[in-house]
Amino acid sequence: MARIKTEDPISHLEEAMRSSIEIFDRIEPHLKAAPTETSASEWLKRIAAVRARYKTSQTLIGLLGSTGAGKSSLVNAVLGEEQ
């Protein structure tokens, strides 16, 4: 498994969720093969609950203003970037 940078907690959490989904994809067929097993059905319920909460999304933000109004400075300040 790839090492995750801890400096960015959001990226860390997103990568952990992606890794978890990949693991679920590998074990889910095996759990479904034993549907009468109580523990297997409980795991399937838990996996379904995690999948329902996990949604990838992308936010697009537009910023308008005249030249020299500070648009780039605002974005850099919000993102914590230095010039």
PDB file of N, CA and C in Angstrom:
ATOM      1  N   MET A   1       0.841  -1.163   0.000  1.00  0.00           N
ATOM      2  CA  MET A   1       0.000   0.000   0.000  1.00  0.00           C
ATOM      3  C   MET A   1       0.893   1.235   0.000  1.00  0.00           C
ATOM      4  N   ALA A   2       0.523   2.229  -0.768  1.00  0.00           N
ATOM      5  CA  ALA A   2       1.315   3.448  -0.884  1.00  0.00           C
ATOM      6  C   ALA A   2       1.301   4.216   0.432  1.00  0.00           C
ATOM      7  N   ARG A   3       2.403   4.847   0.722  1.00  0.00           N
ATOM      8  CA  ARG A   3       2.504   5.664   1.929  1.00  0.00           C
ATOM      9  C   ARG A   3       1.731   6.964   1.715  1.00  0.00           C
ATOM     10  N   ILE A   4       0.977   7.370   2.707  1.00  0.00           N
ATOM     11  CA  ILE A   4       0.128   8.544   2.603  1.00  0.00           C
ATOM     12  C   ILE A   4       0.773   9.696   3.364  1.00  0.00           C
ATOM     13  N   LYS A   5       0.805  10.873   2.734  1.00  0.00           N
ATOM     14  CA  LYS A   5       1.349  12.047   3.407  1.00  0.00           C
ATOM     15  C   LYS A   5       0.400  12.475   4.518  1.00  0.00           C
ATOM     16  N   THR A   6       0.942  12.689   5.704  1.00  0.00           N
ATOM     17  CA  THR A   6       0.104  13.091   6.829  1.00  0.00           C
ATOM     18  C   THR A   6      -0.038  14.597   6.935  1.00  0.00           C
ATOM     19  N   GLU A   7       0.683  15.363   6.109  1.00  0.00           N
ATOM     20  CA  GLU A   7       0.567  16.812   6.176  1.00  0.00           C
ATOM     21  C   GLU A   7      -0.803  17.288   5.707  1.00  0.00           C
ATOM     22  N   ASP A   8      -1.465  16.515   4.872  1.00  0.00           N
ATOM     23  CA  ASP A   8      -2.762  16.902   4.330  1.00  0.00           C
ATOM     24  C   ASP A   8      -3.812  15.910   4.823  1.00  0.00           C
ATOM     25  N   PRO A   9      -4.502  16.233   5.930  1.00  0.00           N
ATOM     26  CA  PRO A   9      -5.438  15.264   6.507  1.00  0.00           C
ATOM     27  C   PRO A   9      -6.597  14.897   5.595  1.00  0.00           C
ATOM     28  N   ILE A  10      -7.071  15.818   4.760  1.00  0.00           N
ATOM     29  CA  ILE A  10      -8.184  15.508   3.852  1.00  0.00           C
ATOM     30  C   ILE A  10      -7.739  14.476   2.825  1.00  0.00           C
ATOM     31  N   SER A  11      -6.582  14.689   2.223  1.00  0.00           N
ATOM     32  CA  SER A  11      -6.065  13.719   1.249  1.00  0.00           C
ATOM     33  C   SER A  11      -5.826  12.371   1.918  1.00  0.00           C
ATOM     34  N   HIS A  12      -5.366  12.407   3.134  1.00  0.00           N
ATOM     35  CA  HIS A  12      -5.133  11.173   3.893  1.00  0.00           C
ATOM     36  C   HIS A  12      -6.434  10.392   4.056  1.00  0.00           C
ATOM     37  N   LEU A  13      -7.486  11.084   4.436  1.00  0.00           N
ATOM     38  CA  LEU A  13      -8.781  10.424   4.618  1.00  0.00           C
ATOM     39  C   LEU A  13      -9.357   9.922   3.303  1.00  0.00           C
ATOM     40  N   GLU A  14      -9.234  10.723   2.248  1.00  0.00           N
ATOM     41  CA  GLU A  14      -9.740  10.301   0.941  1.00  0.00           C
ATOM     42  C   GLU A  14      -8.999   9.063   0.439  1.00  0.00           C
ATOM     43  N   GLU A  15      -7.685   9.037   0.610  1.00  0.00           N
ATOM     44  CA  GLU A  15      -6.895   7.878   0.184  1.00  0.00           C
ATOM     45  C   GLU A  15      -7.254   6.649   1.012  1.00  0.00           C
ATOM     46  N   ALA A  16      -7.485   6.847   2.298  1.00  0.00           N
ATOM     47  CA  ALA A  16      -7.889   5.725   3.155  1.00  0.00           C
ATOM     48  C   ALA A  16      -9.233   5.156   2.708  1.00  0.00           C
ATOM     49  N   MET A  17     -10.165   6.020   2.329  1.00  0.00           N
ATOM     50  CA  MET A  17     -11.464   5.546   1.856  1.00  0.00           C
ATOM     51  C   MET A  17     -11.322   4.800   0.530  1.00  0.00           C
ATOM     52  N   ARG A  18     -10.508   5.336  -0.373  1.00  0.00           N
ATOM     53  CA  ARG A  18     -10.291   4.635  -1.654  1.00  0.00           C
ATOM     54  C   ARG A  18      -9.685   3.250  -1.414  1.00  0.00           C
ATOM     55  N   SER A  19      -8.732   3.180  -0.500  1.00  0.00           N
ATOM     56  CA  SER A  19      -8.115   1.888  -0.174  1.00  0.00           C
ATOM     57  C   SER A  19      -9.138   0.935   0.426  1.00  0.00           C
ATOM     58  N   SER A  20      -9.995   1.461   1.289  1.00  0.00           N
ATOM     59  CA  SER A  20     -11.030   0.626   1.908  1.00  0.00           C
ATOM     60  C   SER A  20     -11.997   0.078   0.867  1.00  0.00           C
ATOM     61  N   ILE A  21     -12.400   0.921  -0.072  1.00  0.00           N
ATOM     62  CA  ILE A  21     -13.316   0.480  -1.125  1.00  0.00           C
ATOM     63  C   ILE A  21     -12.665  -0.611  -1.971  1.00  0.00           C
ATOM     64  N   GLU A  22     -11.387  -0.467  -2.260  1.00  0.00           N
ATOM     65  CA  GLU A  22     -10.679  -1.506  -3.020  1.00  0.00           C
ATOM     66  C   GLU A  22     -10.670  -2.824  -2.255  1.00  0.00           C
ATOM     67  N   ILE A  23     -10.462  -2.761  -0.952  1.00  0.00           N
ATOM     68  CA  ILE A  23     -10.477  -3.975  -0.127  1.00  0.00           C
ATOM     69  C   ILE A  23     -11.880  -4.578  -0.121  1.00  0.00           C
ATOM     70  N   PHE A  24     -12.894  -3.726   0.022  1.00  0.00           N
ATOM     71  CA  PHE A  24     -14.278  -4.218  -0.012  1.00  0.00           C
ATOM     72  C   PHE A  24     -14.559  -4.937  -1.327  1.00  0.00           C
ATOM     73  N   ASP A  25     -14.086  -4.360  -2.431  1.00  0.00           N
ATOM     74  CA  ASP A  25     -14.310  -4.968  -3.742  1.00  0.00           C
ATOM     75  C   ASP A  25     -13.713  -6.369  -3.816  1.00  0.00           C
ATOM     76  N   ARG A  26     -12.602  -6.574  -3.105  1.00  0.00           N
ATOM     77  CA  ARG A  26     -11.958  -7.897  -3.142  1.00  0.00           C
ATOM     78  C   ARG A  26     -12.618  -8.913  -2.217  1.00  0.00           C
ATOM     79  N   ILE A  27     -13.110  -8.465  -1.057  1.00  0.00           N
ATOM     80  CA  ILE A  27     -13.657  -9.446  -0.106  1.00  0.00           C
ATOM     81  C   ILE A  27     -15.168  -9.668  -0.245  1.00  0.00           C
ATOM     82  N   GLU A  28     -15.857  -8.693  -0.821  1.00  0.00           N
ATOM     83  CA  GLU A  28     -17.314  -8.803  -0.924  1.00  0.00           C
ATOM     84  C   GLU A  28     -17.782 -10.069  -1.651  1.00  0.00           C
ATOM     85  N   PRO A  29     -17.176 -10.453  -2.783  1.00  0.00           N
ATOM     86  CA  PRO A  29     -17.628 -11.687  -3.439  1.00  0.00           C
ATOM     87  C   PRO A  29     -17.504 -12.931  -2.554  1.00  0.00           C
ATOM     88  N   HIS A  30     -16.484 -12.961  -1.724  1.00  0.00           N
ATOM     89  CA  HIS A  30     -16.295 -14.106  -0.826  1.00  0.00           C
ATOM     90  C   HIS A  30     -17.364 -14.130   0.273  1.00  0.00           C
ATOM     91  N   LEU A  31     -17.727 -12.939   0.739  1.00  0.00           N
ATOM     92  CA  LEU A  31     -18.784 -12.870   1.744  1.00  0.00           C
ATOM     93  C   LEU A  31     -20.135 -13.251   1.151  1.00  0.00           C
ATOM     94  N   LYS A  32     -20.369 -12.843  -0.096  1.00  0.00           N
ATOM     95  CA  LYS A  32     -21.629 -13.187  -0.762  1.00  0.00           C
ATOM     96  C   LYS A  32     -21.728 -14.678  -1.055  1.00  0.00           C
ATOM     97  N   ALA A  33     -20.601 -15.349  -1.141  1.00  0.00           N
ATOM     98  CA  ALA A  33     -20.591 -16.792  -1.399  1.00  0.00           C
ATOM     99  C   ALA A  33     -21.044 -17.577  -0.171  1.00  0.00           C
ATOM    100  N   ALA A  34     -21.092 -16.921   0.985  1.00  0.00           N
ATOM    101  CA  ALA A  34     -21.531 -17.584   2.211  1.00  0.00           C
ATOM    102  C   ALA A  34     -22.695 -16.808   2.821  1.00  0.00           C
ATOM    103  N   PRO A  35     -23.824 -16.700   2.098  1.00  0.00           N
ATOM    104  CA  PRO A  35     -24.922 -15.840   2.577  1.00  0.00           C
ATOM    105  C   PRO A  35     -25.609 -16.338   3.844  1.00  0.00           C
ATOM    106  N   THR A  36     -25.482 -17.630   4.153  1.00  0.00           N
ATOM    107  CA  THR A  36     -26.146 -18.141   5.353  1.00  0.00           C
ATOM    108  C   THR A  36     -25.311 -17.912   6.603  1.00  0.00           C
ATOM    109  N   GLU A  37     -24.077 -17.547   6.428  1.00  0.00           N
ATOM    110  CA  GLU A  37     -23.192 -17.272   7.556  1.00  0.00           C
ATOM    111  C   GLU A  37     -23.583 -15.925   8.172  1.00  0.00           C
ATOM    112  N   THR A  38     -23.946 -15.924   9.442  1.00  0.00           N
ATOM    113  CA  THR A  38     -24.413 -14.698  10.104  1.00  0.00           C
ATOM    114  C   THR A  38     -23.358 -13.607  10.059  1.00  0.00           C
ATOM    115  N   SER A  39     -22.119 -13.932  10.340  1.00  0.00           N
ATOM    116  CA  SER A  39     -21.071 -12.913  10.353  1.00  0.00           C
ATOM    117  C   SER A  39     -20.853 -12.345   8.948  1.00  0.00           C
ATOM    118  N   ALA A  40     -21.003 -13.175   7.917  1.00  0.00           N
ATOM    119  CA  ALA A  40     -20.838 -12.697   6.545  1.00  0.00           C
ATOM    120  C   ALA A  40     -21.922 -11.685   6.198  1.00  0.00           C
ATOM    121  N   SER A  41     -23.159 -11.975   6.561  1.00  0.00           N
ATOM    122  CA  SER A  41     -24.237 -11.041   6.250  1.00  0.00           C
ATOM    123  C   SER A  41     -24.085  -9.744   7.037  1.00  0.00           C
ATOM    124  N   GLU A  42     -23.565  -9.819   8.246  1.00  0.00           N
ATOM    125  CA  GLU A  42     -23.323  -8.606   9.038  1.00  0.00           C
ATOM    126  C   GLU A  42     -22.222  -7.759   8.397  1.00  0.00           C
ATOM    127  N   TRP A  43     -21.168  -8.407   7.926  1.00  0.00           N
ATOM    128  CA  TRP A  43     -20.097  -7.676   7.222  1.00  0.00           C
ATOM    129  C   TRP A  43     -20.633  -7.016   5.957  1.00  0.00           C
ATOM    130  N   LEU A  44     -21.477  -7.729   5.215  1.00  0.00           N
ATOM    131  CA  LEU A  44     -22.054  -7.161   3.995  1.00  0.00           C
ATOM    132  C   LEU A  44     -22.900  -5.926   4.304  1.00  0.00           C
ATOM    133  N   LYS A  45     -23.639  -5.962   5.408  1.00  0.00           N
ATOM    134  CA  LYS A  45     -24.429  -4.800   5.808  1.00  0.00           C
ATOM    135  C   LYS A  45     -23.523  -3.619   6.136  1.00  0.00           C
ATOM    136  N   ARG A  46     -22.445  -3.898   6.847  1.00  0.00           N
ATOM    137  CA  ARG A  46     -21.522  -2.826   7.224  1.00  0.00           C
ATOM    138  C   ARG A  46     -20.819  -2.237   5.999  1.00  0.00           C
ATOM    139  N   ILE A  47     -20.433  -3.108   5.076  1.00  0.00           N
ATOM    140  CA  ILE A  47     -19.794  -2.640   3.842  1.00  0.00           C
ATOM    141  C   ILE A  47     -20.765  -1.761   3.055  1.00  0.00           C
ATOM    142  N   ALA A  48     -22.020  -2.192   2.974  1.00  0.00           N
ATOM    143  CA  ALA A  48     -23.031  -1.398   2.255  1.00  0.00           C
ATOM    144  C   ALA A  48     -23.212  -0.030   2.913  1.00  0.00           C
ATOM    145  N   ALA A  49     -23.179   0.019   4.236  1.00  0.00           N
ATOM    146  CA  ALA A  49     -23.327   1.294   4.939  1.00  0.00           C
ATOM    147  C   ALA A  49     -22.158   2.228   4.649  1.00  0.00           C
ATOM    148  N   VAL A  50     -20.940   1.684   4.623  1.00  0.00           N
ATOM    149  CA  VAL A  50     -19.763   2.500   4.328  1.00  0.00           C
ATOM    150  C   VAL A  50     -19.824   3.003   2.890  1.00  0.00           C
ATOM    151  N   ARG A  51     -20.187   2.116   1.971  1.00  0.00           N
ATOM    152  CA  ARG A  51     -20.303   2.521   0.562  1.00  0.00           C
ATOM    153  C   ARG A  51     -21.336   3.633   0.386  1.00  0.00           C
ATOM    154  N   ALA A  52     -22.442   3.563   1.137  1.00  0.00           N
ATOM    155  CA  ALA A  52     -23.490   4.579   1.023  1.00  0.00           C
ATOM    156  C   ALA A  52     -22.989   5.944   1.505  1.00  0.00           C
ATOM    157  N   ARG A  53     -22.112   5.937   2.501  1.00  0.00           N
ATOM    158  CA  ARG A  53     -21.580   7.199   3.026  1.00  0.00           C
ATOM    159  C   ARG A  53     -20.457   7.753   2.173  1.00  0.00           C
ATOM    160  N   TYR A  54     -19.788   6.879   1.434  1.00  0.00           N
ATOM    161  CA  TYR A  54     -18.628   7.306   0.657  1.00  0.00           C
ATOM    162  C   TYR A  54     -19.074   7.802  -0.710  1.00  0.00           C
ATOM    163  N   LYS A  55     -18.883   9.049  -0.938  1.00  0.00           N
ATOM    164  CA  LYS A  55     -19.209   9.630  -2.239  1.00  0.00           C
ATOM    165  C   LYS A  55     -18.055  10.536  -2.625  1.00  0.00           C
ATOM    166  N   THR A  56     -17.561  10.341  -3.812  1.00  0.00           N
ATOM    167  CA  THR A  56     -16.525  11.243  -4.289  1.00  0.00           C
ATOM    168  C   THR A  56     -17.209  12.433  -4.941  1.00  0.00           C
ATOM    169  N   SER A  57     -16.667  13.575  -4.704  1.00  0.00           N
ATOM    170  CA  SER A  57     -17.243  14.763  -5.311  1.00  0.00           C
ATOM    171  C   SER A  57     -16.132  15.732  -5.676  1.00  0.00           C
ATOM    172  N   GLN A  58     -16.471  16.612  -6.548  1.00  0.00           N
ATOM    173  CA  GLN A  58     -15.537  17.631  -6.975  1.00  0.00           C
ATOM    174  C   GLN A  58     -16.275  18.956  -6.947  1.00  0.00           C
ATOM    175  N   THR A  59     -15.633  19.947  -6.382  1.00  0.00           N
ATOM    176  CA  THR A  59     -16.244  21.262  -6.300  1.00  0.00           C
ATOM    177  C   THR A  59     -15.535  22.191  -7.264  1.00  0.00           C
ATOM    178  N   LEU A  60     -16.305  22.892  -8.041  1.00  0.00           N
ATOM    179  CA  LEU A  60     -15.769  23.849  -8.999  1.00  0.00           C
ATOM    180  C   LEU A  60     -16.186  25.242  -8.549  1.00  0.00           C
ATOM    181  N   ILE A  61     -15.201  26.111  -8.400  1.00  0.00           N
ATOM    182  CA  ILE A  61     -15.469  27.467  -7.940  1.00  0.00           C
ATOM    183  C   ILE A  61     -14.960  28.441  -8.984  1.00  0.00           C
ATOM    184  N   GLY A  62     -15.784  29.387  -9.360  1.00  0.00           N
ATOM    185  CA  GLY A  62     -15.387  30.444 -10.285  1.00  0.00           C
ATOM    186  C   GLY A  62     -15.155  31.728  -9.503  1.00  0.00           C
ATOM    187  N   LEU A  63     -14.153  32.466  -9.897  1.00  0.00           N
ATOM    188  CA  LEU A  63     -13.829  33.717  -9.233  1.00  0.00           C
ATOM    189  C   LEU A  63     -13.663  34.791 -10.289  1.00  0.00           C
ATOM    190  N   LEU A  64     -14.491  35.810 -10.218  1.00  0.00           N
ATOM    191  CA  LEU A  64     -14.475  36.881 -11.205  1.00  0.00           C
ATOM    192  C   LEU A  64     -14.036  38.195 -10.573  1.00  0.00           C
ATOM    193  N   GLY A  65     -13.382  39.003 -11.368  1.00  0.00           N
ATOM    194  CA  GLY A  65     -12.983  40.320 -10.890  1.00  0.00           C
ATOM    195  C   GLY A  65     -12.062  40.978 -11.890  1.00  0.00           C
ATOM    196  N   SER A  66     -11.896  42.259 -11.739  1.00  0.00           N
ATOM    197  CA  SER A  66     -11.038  42.989 -12.671  1.00  0.00           C
ATOM    198  C   SER A  66      -9.566  42.689 -12.395  1.00  0.00           C
ATOM    199  N   THR A  67      -8.730  43.073 -13.361  1.00  0.00           N
ATOM    200  CA  THR A  67      -7.297  42.868 -13.236  1.00  0.00           C
ATOM    201  C   THR A  67      -6.778  43.612 -12.012  1.00  0.00           C
ATOM    202  N   GLY A  68      -5.974  42.905 -11.216  1.00  0.00           N
ATOM    203  CA  GLY A  68      -5.377  43.524 -10.035  1.00  0.00           C
ATOM    204  C   GLY A  68      -6.287  43.586  -8.826  1.00  0.00           C
ATOM    205  N   ALA A  69      -7.437  42.924  -8.886  1.00  0.00           N
ATOM    206  CA  ALA A  69      -8.398  42.988  -7.779  1.00  0.00           C
ATOM    207  C   ALA A  69      -8.025  42.059  -6.620  1.00  0.00           C
ATOM    208  N   GLY A  70      -7.049  41.168  -6.841  1.00  0.00           N
ATOM    209  CA  GLY A  70      -6.616  40.276  -5.765  1.00  0.00           C
ATOM    210  C   GLY A  70      -7.202  38.881  -5.812  1.00  0.00           C
ATOM    211  N   LYS A  71      -7.683  38.471  -6.977  1.00  0.00           N
ATOM    212  CA  LYS A  71      -8.281  37.125  -7.107  1.00  0.00           C
ATOM    213  C   LYS A  71      -7.258  36.039  -6.782  1.00  0.00           C
ATOM    214  N   SER A  72      -6.099  36.127  -7.402  1.00  0.00           N
ATOM    215  CA  SER A  72      -5.055  35.122  -7.166  1.00  0.00           C
ATOM    216  C   SER A  72      -4.575  35.152  -5.724  1.00  0.00           C
ATOM    217  N   SER A  73      -4.453  36.350  -5.165  1.00  0.00           N
ATOM    218  CA  SER A  73      -4.025  36.472  -3.764  1.00  0.00           C
ATOM    219  C   SER A  73      -5.036  35.820  -2.830  1.00  0.00           C
ATOM    220  N   LEU A  74      -6.304  35.992  -3.114  1.00  0.00           N
ATOM    221  CA  LEU A  74      -7.350  35.369  -2.302  1.00  0.00           C
ATOM    222  C   LEU A  74      -7.267  33.851  -2.384  1.00  0.00           C
ATOM    223  N   VAL A  75      -7.166  33.332  -3.593  1.00  0.00           N
ATOM    224  CA  VAL A  75      -7.081  31.881  -3.767  1.00  0.00           C
ATOM    225  C   VAL A  75      -5.834  31.334  -3.075  1.00  0.00           C
ATOM    226  N   ASN A  76      -4.704  31.998  -3.250  1.00  0.00           N
ATOM    227  CA  ASN A  76      -3.469  31.554  -2.599  1.00  0.00           C
ATOM    228  C   ASN A  76      -3.592  31.586  -1.085  1.00  0.00           C
ATOM    229  N   ALA A  77      -4.239  32.603  -0.542  1.00  0.00           N
ATOM    230  CA  ALA A  77      -4.417  32.696   0.901  1.00  0.00           C
ATOM    231  C   ALA A  77      -5.314  31.563   1.409  1.00  0.00           C
ATOM    232  N   VAL A  78      -6.381  31.288   0.694  1.00  0.00           N
ATOM    233  CA  VAL A  78      -7.303  30.220   1.091  1.00  0.00           C
ATOM    234  C   VAL A  78      -6.609  28.856   1.047  1.00  0.00           C
ATOM    235  N   LEU A  79      -5.790  28.649   0.022  1.00  0.00           N
ATOM    236  CA  LEU A  79      -5.099  27.368  -0.144  1.00  0.00           C
ATOM    237  C   LEU A  79      -3.824  27.267   0.673  1.00  0.00           C
ATOM    238  N   GLY A  80      -3.431  28.372   1.284  1.00  0.00           N
ATOM    239  CA  GLY A  80      -2.210  28.354   2.084  1.00  0.00           C
ATOM    240  C   GLY A  80      -0.950  28.356   1.247  1.00  0.00           C
ATOM    241  N   GLU A  81      -1.045  28.850   0.027  1.00  0.00           N
ATOM    242  CA  GLU A  81       0.101  28.904  -0.882  1.00  0.00           C
ATOM    243  C   GLU A  81       0.842  30.218  -0.698  1.00  0.00           C
ATOM    244  N   GLU A  82       2.140  30.158  -0.887  1.00  0.00           N
ATOM    245  CA  GLU A  82       2.939  31.376  -0.853  1.00  0.00           C
ATOM    246  C   GLU A  82       3.325  31.753  -2.256  1.00  0.00           C
ATOM    247  N   GLN A  83       3.526  33.053  -2.486  1.00  0.00           N
ATOM    248  CA  GLN A  83       3.882  33.515  -3.824  1.00  0.00           C
ATOM    249  C   GLN A  83       5.332  33.263  -4.129  1.00  0.00           C
TER     250      GLN A  83
END
